[in-house]
Amino acid sequence: MTDAEIIELFWQRKEAAIHETEVTYGGKLRRLAEKILCCRQDAEECVSDTYLKAWQAMPPARPQYLYAYLAKICRFGALDRLDWQHAQKRHAQVVELSAELTACIPDNALEKAATGEEIGQMLTQFIRLLSEEKRQLFLHRYWIGESIAEIAAATGLRQSSVKTSLHRIRKALRIYLEKEGISI
């Protein structure tokens, strides 16, 4: 079933929308949540919550890319659950990914001139400027949260090439943000 057909089922308030979404994207959403939460049961709950939030949002929402819409809901839900579970301690992978981007994106307490939304828009613009290969590397690492080894296996690149490319992308991001007036 196509995304447009699934969205239409949501708009018609037919429960088949949930079933078709599960069939089409359930596995991907569970993998995404499980990468963040490292727990199958929590990932299952997060995916169920994703379906509920999608049901509540459509209509009026009519996403252009259904998987991206669902992945955003799922990812934020998983990160919220992770924060709740580990209020005082942080998950090692999330800390590692955050540390990699810290040199590129300023701390809100330090940077008052740009809001989080403005920085998000700049980040979106930067990602659009990247080649398809670099964009995929960046998104797989910092959006999906895949390890260097997983990215290398998926792309056929050596791990050292993935690390080098990501380092160069982060460096380019820093330069881009500085040109936009965001000092690090």
N, C-alpha and C. Protein backbone atom coordinates (compact mmCIF):
# COMPACT_ATOMS: atom_id res chain seq x y z
N MET A 1 0.85 -1.17 0.00
CA MET A 1 0.00 0.00 0.00
C MET A 1 0.90 1.24 0.00
N THR A 2 0.52 2.24 -0.76
CA THR A 2 1.33 3.46 -0.85
C THR A 2 1.08 4.36 0.35
N ASP A 3 2.01 5.29 0.55
CA ASP A 3 1.87 6.26 1.63
C ASP A 3 0.57 7.04 1.50
N ALA A 4 0.26 7.47 0.29
CA ALA A 4 -0.96 8.27 0.07
C ALA A 4 -2.20 7.47 0.45
N GLU A 5 -2.22 6.18 0.15
CA GLU A 5 -3.37 5.34 0.50
C GLU A 5 -3.48 5.17 2.01
N ILE A 6 -2.33 5.00 2.68
CA ILE A 6 -2.35 4.86 4.14
C ILE A 6 -2.83 6.17 4.78
N ILE A 7 -2.33 7.28 4.30
CA ILE A 7 -2.75 8.58 4.83
C ILE A 7 -4.25 8.78 4.62
N GLU A 8 -4.72 8.38 3.49
CA GLU A 8 -6.17 8.49 3.22
C GLU A 8 -6.98 7.66 4.22
N LEU A 9 -6.46 6.48 4.58
CA LEU A 9 -7.14 5.67 5.60
C LEU A 9 -7.18 6.40 6.94
N PHE A 10 -6.09 7.08 7.29
CA PHE A 10 -6.09 7.88 8.52
C PHE A 10 -7.16 8.96 8.43
N TRP A 11 -7.22 9.63 7.29
CA TRP A 11 -8.18 10.72 7.12
C TRP A 11 -9.62 10.21 7.16
N GLN A 12 -9.83 8.99 6.70
CA GLN A 12 -11.18 8.41 6.74
C GLN A 12 -11.48 7.79 8.11
N ARG A 13 -10.48 7.85 9.02
CA ARG A 13 -10.61 7.32 10.39
C ARG A 13 -10.87 5.82 10.39
N LYS A 14 -10.21 5.11 9.49
CA LYS A 14 -10.34 3.66 9.41
C LYS A 14 -9.18 3.02 10.16
N GLU A 15 -9.50 2.06 11.03
CA GLU A 15 -8.49 1.39 11.82
C GLU A 15 -7.48 0.63 10.97
N ALA A 16 -7.83 0.34 9.75
CA ALA A 16 -6.90 -0.33 8.84
C ALA A 16 -5.65 0.51 8.62
N ALA A 17 -5.73 1.81 8.87
CA ALA A 17 -4.57 2.68 8.72
C ALA A 17 -3.44 2.23 9.65
N ILE A 18 -3.79 1.85 10.87
CA ILE A 18 -2.79 1.40 11.83
C ILE A 18 -2.17 0.08 11.36
N HIS A 19 -3.01 -0.84 10.92
CA HIS A 19 -2.52 -2.13 10.44
C HIS A 19 -1.58 -1.95 9.25
N GLU A 20 -1.99 -1.14 8.28
CA GLU A 20 -1.16 -0.93 7.10
C GLU A 20 0.14 -0.21 7.44
N THR A 21 0.08 0.70 8.39
CA THR A 21 1.29 1.39 8.84
C THR A 21 2.24 0.40 9.48
N GLU A 22 1.71 -0.49 10.30
CA GLU A 22 2.52 -1.53 10.96
C GLU A 22 3.17 -2.43 9.92
N VAL A 23 2.40 -2.87 8.94
CA VAL A 23 2.93 -3.76 7.90
C VAL A 23 4.04 -3.06 7.11
N THR A 24 3.82 -1.80 6.77
CA THR A 24 4.76 -1.08 5.92
C THR A 24 5.98 -0.57 6.68
N TYR A 25 5.78 -0.01 7.86
CA TYR A 25 6.87 0.67 8.55
C TYR A 25 7.16 0.18 9.96
N GLY A 26 6.41 -0.79 10.46
CA GLY A 26 6.59 -1.26 11.83
C GLY A 26 8.01 -1.70 12.15
N GLY A 27 8.61 -2.49 11.29
CA GLY A 27 9.96 -2.98 11.53
C GLY A 27 10.99 -1.87 11.61
N LYS A 28 10.90 -0.93 10.69
CA LYS A 28 11.83 0.20 10.68
C LYS A 28 11.68 1.05 11.94
N LEU A 29 10.44 1.29 12.33
CA LEU A 29 10.19 2.11 13.51
C LEU A 29 10.69 1.42 14.78
N ARG A 30 10.49 0.09 14.86
CA ARG A 30 10.98 -0.64 16.03
C ARG A 30 12.50 -0.60 16.10
N ARG A 31 13.18 -0.76 14.97
CA ARG A 31 14.65 -0.69 14.96
C ARG A 31 15.13 0.68 15.40
N LEU A 32 14.46 1.72 14.92
CA LEU A 32 14.82 3.08 15.30
C LEU A 32 14.68 3.28 16.81
N ALA A 33 13.54 2.88 17.36
CA ALA A 33 13.30 3.03 18.80
C ALA A 33 14.25 2.16 19.61
N GLU A 34 14.51 0.96 19.13
CA GLU A 34 15.37 0.04 19.87
C GLU A 34 16.82 0.52 19.90
N LYS A 35 17.26 1.20 18.85
CA LYS A 35 18.61 1.76 18.84
C LYS A 35 18.77 2.80 19.94
N ILE A 36 17.74 3.54 20.19
CA ILE A 36 17.79 4.58 21.22
C ILE A 36 17.58 3.99 22.61
N LEU A 37 16.61 3.10 22.73
CA LEU A 37 16.20 2.61 24.05
C LEU A 37 16.92 1.34 24.50
N CYS A 38 17.45 0.58 23.55
CA CYS A 38 18.15 -0.68 23.85
C CYS A 38 17.27 -1.65 24.63
N CYS A 39 15.99 -1.63 24.36
CA CYS A 39 15.05 -2.51 25.05
C CYS A 39 13.87 -2.77 24.11
N ARG A 40 13.67 -4.04 23.78
CA ARG A 40 12.63 -4.40 22.82
C ARG A 40 11.22 -3.99 23.30
N GLN A 41 10.93 -4.22 24.58
CA GLN A 41 9.60 -3.91 25.10
C GLN A 41 9.34 -2.39 25.06
N ASP A 42 10.34 -1.61 25.46
CA ASP A 42 10.18 -0.16 25.41
C ASP A 42 10.02 0.32 23.97
N ALA A 43 10.75 -0.31 23.06
CA ALA A 43 10.64 0.06 21.65
C ALA A 43 9.24 -0.25 21.13
N GLU A 44 8.68 -1.39 21.51
CA GLU A 44 7.32 -1.76 21.11
C GLU A 44 6.31 -0.71 21.61
N GLU A 45 6.45 -0.31 22.87
CA GLU A 45 5.55 0.70 23.42
C GLU A 45 5.70 2.02 22.69
N CYS A 46 6.92 2.37 22.38
CA CYS A 46 7.19 3.62 21.67
C CYS A 46 6.53 3.61 20.28
N VAL A 47 6.61 2.48 19.59
CA VAL A 47 5.99 2.36 18.27
C VAL A 47 4.47 2.44 18.40
N SER A 48 3.92 1.80 19.41
CA SER A 48 2.47 1.90 19.65
C SER A 48 2.05 3.34 19.92
N ASP A 49 2.86 4.03 20.71
CA ASP A 49 2.59 5.45 20.97
C ASP A 49 2.68 6.27 19.69
N THR A 50 3.59 5.89 18.81
CA THR A 50 3.74 6.57 17.52
C THR A 50 2.46 6.45 16.71
N TYR A 51 1.91 5.24 16.66
CA TYR A 51 0.66 5.03 15.92
C TYR A 51 -0.47 5.86 16.52
N LEU A 52 -0.55 5.90 17.84
CA LEU A 52 -1.59 6.69 18.50
C LEU A 52 -1.44 8.18 18.17
N LYS A 53 -0.23 8.69 18.25
CA LYS A 53 -0.01 10.11 17.95
C LYS A 53 -0.30 10.42 16.49
N ALA A 54 0.05 9.50 15.60
CA ALA A 54 -0.26 9.69 14.18
C ALA A 54 -1.78 9.70 13.99
N TRP A 55 -2.48 8.80 14.67
CA TRP A 55 -3.94 8.74 14.60
C TRP A 55 -4.56 10.05 15.08
N GLN A 56 -4.01 10.60 16.15
CA GLN A 56 -4.54 11.85 16.71
C GLN A 56 -4.20 13.06 15.83
N ALA A 57 -3.10 12.98 15.09
CA ALA A 57 -2.65 14.13 14.30
C ALA A 57 -3.25 14.18 12.89
N MET A 58 -3.68 13.03 12.38
CA MET A 58 -4.24 13.00 11.02
C MET A 58 -5.73 12.72 11.08
N PRO A 59 -6.60 13.52 10.56
CA PRO A 59 -6.38 14.90 10.17
C PRO A 59 -6.17 15.79 11.39
N PRO A 60 -5.69 16.96 11.24
CA PRO A 60 -5.54 17.78 10.06
C PRO A 60 -4.21 17.58 9.33
N ALA A 61 -3.24 16.93 9.97
CA ALA A 61 -1.94 16.77 9.30
C ALA A 61 -2.08 15.85 8.10
N ARG A 62 -1.36 16.17 7.04
CA ARG A 62 -1.28 15.32 5.86
C ARG A 62 0.19 15.32 5.44
N PRO A 63 0.98 14.43 6.05
CA PRO A 63 2.43 14.45 5.79
C PRO A 63 2.76 14.12 4.35
N GLN A 64 3.80 14.76 3.86
CA GLN A 64 4.25 14.51 2.50
C GLN A 64 5.00 13.18 2.42
N TYR A 65 5.81 12.89 3.44
CA TYR A 65 6.58 11.65 3.50
C TYR A 65 6.18 10.94 4.79
N LEU A 66 5.40 9.89 4.67
CA LEU A 66 4.83 9.23 5.84
C LEU A 66 5.90 8.65 6.76
N TYR A 67 6.91 7.96 6.21
CA TYR A 67 7.92 7.37 7.09
C TYR A 67 8.68 8.45 7.85
N ALA A 68 9.05 9.52 7.19
CA ALA A 68 9.77 10.59 7.87
C ALA A 68 8.92 11.17 9.00
N TYR A 69 7.64 11.32 8.75
CA TYR A 69 6.70 11.84 9.75
C TYR A 69 6.62 10.89 10.95
N LEU A 70 6.46 9.61 10.66
CA LEU A 70 6.37 8.62 11.73
C LEU A 70 7.69 8.48 12.48
N ALA A 71 8.80 8.51 11.75
CA ALA A 71 10.12 8.37 12.37
C ALA A 71 10.40 9.53 13.32
N LYS A 72 9.97 10.72 12.95
CA LYS A 72 10.15 11.87 13.82
C LYS A 72 9.37 11.68 15.12
N ILE A 73 8.12 11.26 15.01
CA ILE A 73 7.30 11.02 16.19
C ILE A 73 7.94 9.94 17.06
N CYS A 74 8.35 8.86 16.43
CA CYS A 74 8.93 7.71 17.13
C CYS A 74 10.25 8.10 17.82
N ARG A 75 11.09 8.80 17.10
CA ARG A 75 12.40 9.19 17.64
C ARG A 75 12.24 10.11 18.85
N PHE A 76 11.39 11.12 18.73
CA PHE A 76 11.19 12.02 19.86
C PHE A 76 10.54 11.28 21.03
N GLY A 77 9.64 10.37 20.74
CA GLY A 77 9.03 9.57 21.80
C GLY A 77 10.06 8.70 22.51
N ALA A 78 10.96 8.10 21.74
CA ALA A 78 12.01 7.26 22.33
C ALA A 78 12.97 8.10 23.16
N LEU A 79 13.32 9.27 22.66
CA LEU A 79 14.22 10.14 23.42
C LEU A 79 13.56 10.64 24.69
N ASP A 80 12.27 10.95 24.64
CA ASP A 80 11.54 11.35 25.85
C ASP A 80 11.52 10.21 26.86
N ARG A 81 11.26 9.00 26.39
CA ARG A 81 11.24 7.84 27.28
C ARG A 81 12.63 7.61 27.88
N LEU A 82 13.66 7.78 27.07
CA LEU A 82 15.03 7.60 27.57
C LEU A 82 15.34 8.64 28.65
N ASP A 83 14.95 9.88 28.42
CA ASP A 83 15.14 10.92 29.43
C ASP A 83 14.42 10.57 30.72
N TRP A 84 13.20 10.08 30.59
CA TRP A 84 12.42 9.72 31.76
C TRP A 84 13.07 8.56 32.52
N GLN A 85 13.56 7.55 31.78
CA GLN A 85 14.17 6.38 32.41
C GLN A 85 15.51 6.69 33.06
N HIS A 86 16.24 7.59 32.46
CA HIS A 86 17.60 7.87 32.92
C HIS A 86 17.74 9.34 33.28
N ALA A 87 16.90 9.80 34.15
CA ALA A 87 16.89 11.23 34.48
C ALA A 87 18.25 11.71 34.97
N GLN A 88 18.95 10.93 35.76
CA GLN A 88 20.24 11.35 36.30
C GLN A 88 21.41 10.80 35.49
N LYS A 89 21.24 9.67 34.84
CA LYS A 89 22.33 9.10 34.05
C LYS A 89 21.97 9.15 32.58
N ARG A 90 22.91 9.21 31.74
CA ARG A 90 22.67 9.32 30.32
C ARG A 90 23.11 8.06 29.59
N HIS A 91 22.37 7.69 28.56
CA HIS A 91 22.66 6.53 27.73
C HIS A 91 23.94 6.81 26.95
N ALA A 92 24.85 5.88 26.95
CA ALA A 92 26.19 6.10 26.37
C ALA A 92 26.14 6.50 24.91
N GLN A 93 25.30 5.86 24.10
CA GLN A 93 25.27 6.18 22.68
C GLN A 93 24.74 7.59 22.43
N VAL A 94 23.72 7.99 23.15
CA VAL A 94 23.18 9.34 22.99
C VAL A 94 24.22 10.37 23.41
N VAL A 95 24.95 10.09 24.49
CA VAL A 95 26.01 11.00 24.93
C VAL A 95 27.10 11.09 23.87
N GLU A 96 27.46 9.95 23.28
CA GLU A 96 28.50 9.95 22.24
C GLU A 96 28.08 10.77 21.03
N LEU A 97 26.85 10.58 20.56
CA LEU A 97 26.37 11.33 19.40
C LEU A 97 26.27 12.81 19.72
N SER A 98 25.80 13.13 20.92
CA SER A 98 25.70 14.53 21.32
C SER A 98 27.08 15.17 21.39
N ALA A 99 28.03 14.44 21.92
CA ALA A 99 29.39 14.97 22.04
C ALA A 99 29.98 15.27 20.67
N GLU A 100 29.69 14.43 19.68
CA GLU A 100 30.22 14.65 18.34
C GLU A 100 29.70 15.95 17.74
N LEU A 101 28.45 16.29 18.03
CA LEU A 101 27.86 17.49 17.46
C LEU A 101 28.06 18.73 18.32
N THR A 102 28.53 18.56 19.54
CA THR A 102 28.70 19.69 20.45
C THR A 102 29.61 20.76 19.87
N ALA A 103 30.64 20.34 19.17
CA ALA A 103 31.57 21.30 18.60
C ALA A 103 30.96 22.10 17.45
N CYS A 104 29.82 21.63 16.94
CA CYS A 104 29.20 22.30 15.79
C CYS A 104 28.00 23.16 16.17
N ILE A 105 27.22 22.71 17.14
CA ILE A 105 25.98 23.39 17.47
C ILE A 105 26.13 24.01 18.85
N PRO A 106 25.88 25.29 18.98
CA PRO A 106 26.10 25.97 20.25
C PRO A 106 25.11 25.57 21.33
N ASP A 107 25.54 25.74 22.56
CA ASP A 107 24.68 25.54 23.72
C ASP A 107 23.71 26.72 23.80
N ASN A 108 22.43 26.44 24.01
CA ASN A 108 21.44 27.51 24.06
C ASN A 108 21.75 28.53 25.14
N ALA A 109 22.35 28.11 26.24
CA ALA A 109 22.67 29.05 27.31
C ALA A 109 23.74 30.04 26.87
N LEU A 110 24.61 29.60 25.99
CA LEU A 110 25.67 30.47 25.53
C LEU A 110 25.25 31.34 24.35
N GLU A 111 24.36 30.83 23.54
CA GLU A 111 23.97 31.52 22.31
C GLU A 111 22.54 32.00 22.44
N LYS A 112 22.37 33.29 22.68
CA LYS A 112 21.03 33.83 22.88
C LYS A 112 20.46 34.42 21.59
N ALA A 113 21.32 34.65 20.60
CA ALA A 113 20.86 35.31 19.39
C ALA A 113 20.02 34.39 18.52
N ALA A 114 20.25 33.09 18.58
CA ALA A 114 19.52 32.16 17.73
C ALA A 114 18.73 31.18 18.60
N THR A 115 17.48 30.99 18.26
CA THR A 115 16.65 30.04 18.99
C THR A 115 16.92 28.64 18.46
N GLY A 116 16.43 27.66 19.18
CA GLY A 116 16.58 26.28 18.73
C GLY A 116 15.92 26.07 17.38
N GLU A 117 14.79 26.73 17.17
CA GLU A 117 14.09 26.61 15.89
C GLU A 117 14.93 27.18 14.74
N GLU A 118 15.55 28.31 14.98
CA GLU A 118 16.39 28.92 13.95
C GLU A 118 17.60 28.04 13.64
N ILE A 119 18.20 27.48 14.66
CA ILE A 119 19.33 26.58 14.44
C ILE A 119 18.86 25.34 13.69
N GLY A 120 17.68 24.85 14.03
CA GLY A 120 17.12 23.71 13.32
C GLY A 120 16.91 24.00 11.84
N GLN A 121 16.43 25.20 11.53
CA GLN A 121 16.25 25.59 10.12
C GLN A 121 17.60 25.68 9.40
N MET A 122 18.59 26.21 10.09
CA MET A 122 19.93 26.29 9.49
C MET A 122 20.49 24.89 9.25
N LEU A 123 20.27 24.00 10.20
CA LEU A 123 20.73 22.62 10.06
C LEU A 123 20.05 21.95 8.87
N THR A 124 18.76 22.19 8.71
CA THR A 124 18.03 21.64 7.57
C THR A 124 18.61 22.16 6.26
N GLN A 125 18.88 23.46 6.20
CA GLN A 125 19.49 24.05 5.00
C GLN A 125 20.85 23.43 4.72
N PHE A 126 21.66 23.27 5.76
CA PHE A 126 22.98 22.68 5.59
C PHE A 126 22.87 21.27 5.03
N ILE A 127 21.96 20.47 5.57
CA ILE A 127 21.79 19.09 5.12
C ILE A 127 21.38 19.05 3.65
N ARG A 128 20.56 20.00 3.24
CA ARG A 128 20.13 20.06 1.83
C ARG A 128 21.29 20.39 0.89
N LEU A 129 22.31 21.06 1.40
CA LEU A 129 23.47 21.42 0.58
C LEU A 129 24.42 20.24 0.38
N LEU A 130 24.32 19.22 1.22
CA LEU A 130 25.22 18.07 1.13
C LEU A 130 24.88 17.20 -0.07
N SER A 131 25.90 16.49 -0.55
CA SER A 131 25.65 15.50 -1.60
C SER A 131 24.79 14.39 -1.01
N GLU A 132 24.18 13.60 -1.86
CA GLU A 132 23.30 12.52 -1.40
C GLU A 132 24.06 11.57 -0.47
N GLU A 133 25.29 11.21 -0.83
CA GLU A 133 26.08 10.28 -0.01
C GLU A 133 26.38 10.87 1.37
N LYS A 134 26.81 12.11 1.41
CA LYS A 134 27.13 12.75 2.69
C LYS A 134 25.87 12.94 3.52
N ARG A 135 24.77 13.29 2.88
CA ARG A 135 23.50 13.47 3.58
C ARG A 135 23.10 12.15 4.25
N GLN A 136 23.23 11.05 3.51
CA GLN A 136 22.87 9.75 4.07
C GLN A 136 23.75 9.39 5.26
N LEU A 137 25.05 9.64 5.14
CA LEU A 137 25.96 9.36 6.26
C LEU A 137 25.55 10.17 7.49
N PHE A 138 25.31 11.46 7.29
CA PHE A 138 24.96 12.35 8.40
C PHE A 138 23.65 11.90 9.06
N LEU A 139 22.64 11.63 8.26
CA LEU A 139 21.35 11.24 8.81
C LEU A 139 21.39 9.88 9.49
N HIS A 140 22.12 8.94 8.90
CA HIS A 140 22.22 7.62 9.53
C HIS A 140 22.94 7.71 10.88
N ARG A 141 23.91 8.59 10.97
CA ARG A 141 24.65 8.71 12.23
C ARG A 141 23.88 9.53 13.27
N TYR A 142 23.39 10.71 12.87
CA TYR A 142 22.86 11.64 13.86
C TYR A 142 21.34 11.66 13.96
N TRP A 143 20.64 11.10 13.01
CA TRP A 143 19.19 11.04 13.12
C TRP A 143 18.76 9.64 13.56
N ILE A 144 19.27 8.62 12.86
CA ILE A 144 18.90 7.24 13.18
C ILE A 144 19.75 6.72 14.34
N GLY A 145 20.97 7.24 14.46
CA GLY A 145 21.83 6.83 15.58
C GLY A 145 22.60 5.55 15.33
N GLU A 146 22.88 5.25 14.08
CA GLU A 146 23.62 4.03 13.77
C GLU A 146 25.08 4.19 14.13
N SER A 147 25.70 3.08 14.43
CA SER A 147 27.13 3.08 14.75
C SER A 147 27.94 3.22 13.45
N ILE A 148 29.21 3.54 13.61
CA ILE A 148 30.10 3.64 12.46
C ILE A 148 30.13 2.31 11.71
N ALA A 149 30.19 1.21 12.44
CA ALA A 149 30.23 -0.12 11.83
C ALA A 149 28.96 -0.40 11.02
N GLU A 150 27.81 -0.03 11.56
CA GLU A 150 26.55 -0.25 10.85
C GLU A 150 26.48 0.59 9.58
N ILE A 151 26.94 1.81 9.66
CA ILE A 151 26.93 2.68 8.47
C ILE A 151 27.87 2.12 7.42
N ALA A 152 29.05 1.69 7.84
CA ALA A 152 30.03 1.12 6.90
C ALA A 152 29.46 -0.11 6.22
N ALA A 153 28.82 -0.99 6.98
CA ALA A 153 28.24 -2.20 6.40
C ALA A 153 27.13 -1.86 5.41
N ALA A 154 26.31 -0.86 5.73
CA ALA A 154 25.18 -0.50 4.87
C ALA A 154 25.64 0.19 3.59
N THR A 155 26.72 0.97 3.67
CA THR A 155 27.16 1.74 2.52
C THR A 155 28.27 1.07 1.71
N GLY A 156 28.92 0.07 2.31
CA GLY A 156 30.04 -0.57 1.63
C GLY A 156 31.34 0.20 1.77
N LEU A 157 31.34 1.23 2.59
CA LEU A 157 32.55 2.01 2.84
C LEU A 157 33.33 1.40 4.00
N ARG A 158 34.61 1.70 4.08
CA ARG A 158 35.41 1.29 5.23
C ARG A 158 35.03 2.17 6.41
N GLN A 159 35.19 1.64 7.62
CA GLN A 159 34.86 2.41 8.81
C GLN A 159 35.68 3.69 8.89
N SER A 160 36.94 3.61 8.49
CA SER A 160 37.79 4.81 8.53
C SER A 160 37.27 5.87 7.57
N SER A 161 36.75 5.45 6.43
CA SER A 161 36.19 6.41 5.46
C SER A 161 34.93 7.07 6.03
N VAL A 162 34.11 6.28 6.72
CA VAL A 162 32.89 6.83 7.32
C VAL A 162 33.28 7.86 8.39
N LYS A 163 34.25 7.51 9.24
CA LYS A 163 34.69 8.43 10.30
C LYS A 163 35.24 9.72 9.71
N THR A 164 36.06 9.58 8.68
CA THR A 164 36.65 10.76 8.04
C THR A 164 35.58 11.64 7.42
N SER A 165 34.64 11.02 6.72
CA SER A 165 33.56 11.79 6.09
C SER A 165 32.72 12.51 7.13
N LEU A 166 32.37 11.83 8.20
CA LEU A 166 31.58 12.47 9.25
C LEU A 166 32.33 13.61 9.90
N HIS A 167 33.63 13.44 10.10
CA HIS A 167 34.45 14.52 10.68
C HIS A 167 34.42 15.74 9.75
N ARG A 168 34.58 15.51 8.47
CA ARG A 168 34.57 16.61 7.50
C ARG A 168 33.20 17.28 7.43
N ILE A 169 32.14 16.49 7.53
CA ILE A 169 30.79 17.05 7.51
C ILE A 169 30.57 17.93 8.74
N ARG A 170 31.00 17.45 9.91
CA ARG A 170 30.86 18.26 11.13
C ARG A 170 31.66 19.55 11.03
N LYS A 171 32.84 19.47 10.44
CA LYS A 171 33.67 20.66 10.26
C LYS A 171 32.97 21.64 9.32
N ALA A 172 32.41 21.13 8.24
CA ALA A 172 31.67 21.98 7.29
C ALA A 172 30.44 22.59 7.96
N LEU A 173 29.78 21.83 8.82
CA LEU A 173 28.62 22.34 9.55
C LEU A 173 29.03 23.50 10.45
N ARG A 174 30.12 23.34 11.13
CA ARG A 174 30.61 24.41 12.00
C ARG A 174 30.88 25.68 11.20
N ILE A 175 31.55 25.54 10.08
CA ILE A 175 31.86 26.69 9.22
C ILE A 175 30.56 27.32 8.71
N TYR A 176 29.61 26.49 8.30
CA TYR A 176 28.32 26.98 7.81
C TYR A 176 27.60 27.79 8.88
N LEU A 177 27.55 27.24 10.10
CA LEU A 177 26.86 27.94 11.18
C LEU A 177 27.56 29.26 11.52
N GLU A 178 28.88 29.25 11.48
CA GLU A 178 29.61 30.49 11.76
C GLU A 178 29.33 31.55 10.70
N LYS A 179 29.21 31.12 9.44
CA LYS A 179 28.86 32.06 8.36
C LYS A 179 27.46 32.62 8.54
N GLU A 180 26.59 31.83 9.17
CA GLU A 180 25.21 32.27 9.44
C GLU A 180 25.11 33.10 10.71
N GLY A 181 26.25 33.34 11.35
CA GLY A 181 26.26 34.19 12.52
C GLY A 181 26.14 33.47 13.84
N ILE A 182 26.26 32.14 13.82
CA ILE A 182 26.21 31.35 15.06
C ILE A 182 27.64 31.04 15.44
N SER A 183 28.11 31.66 16.51
CA SER A 183 29.49 31.42 16.93
C SER A 183 29.50 30.27 17.94
N ILE A 184 30.50 29.48 17.81
CA ILE A 184 30.63 28.29 18.66
C ILE A 184 31.62 28.59 19.79
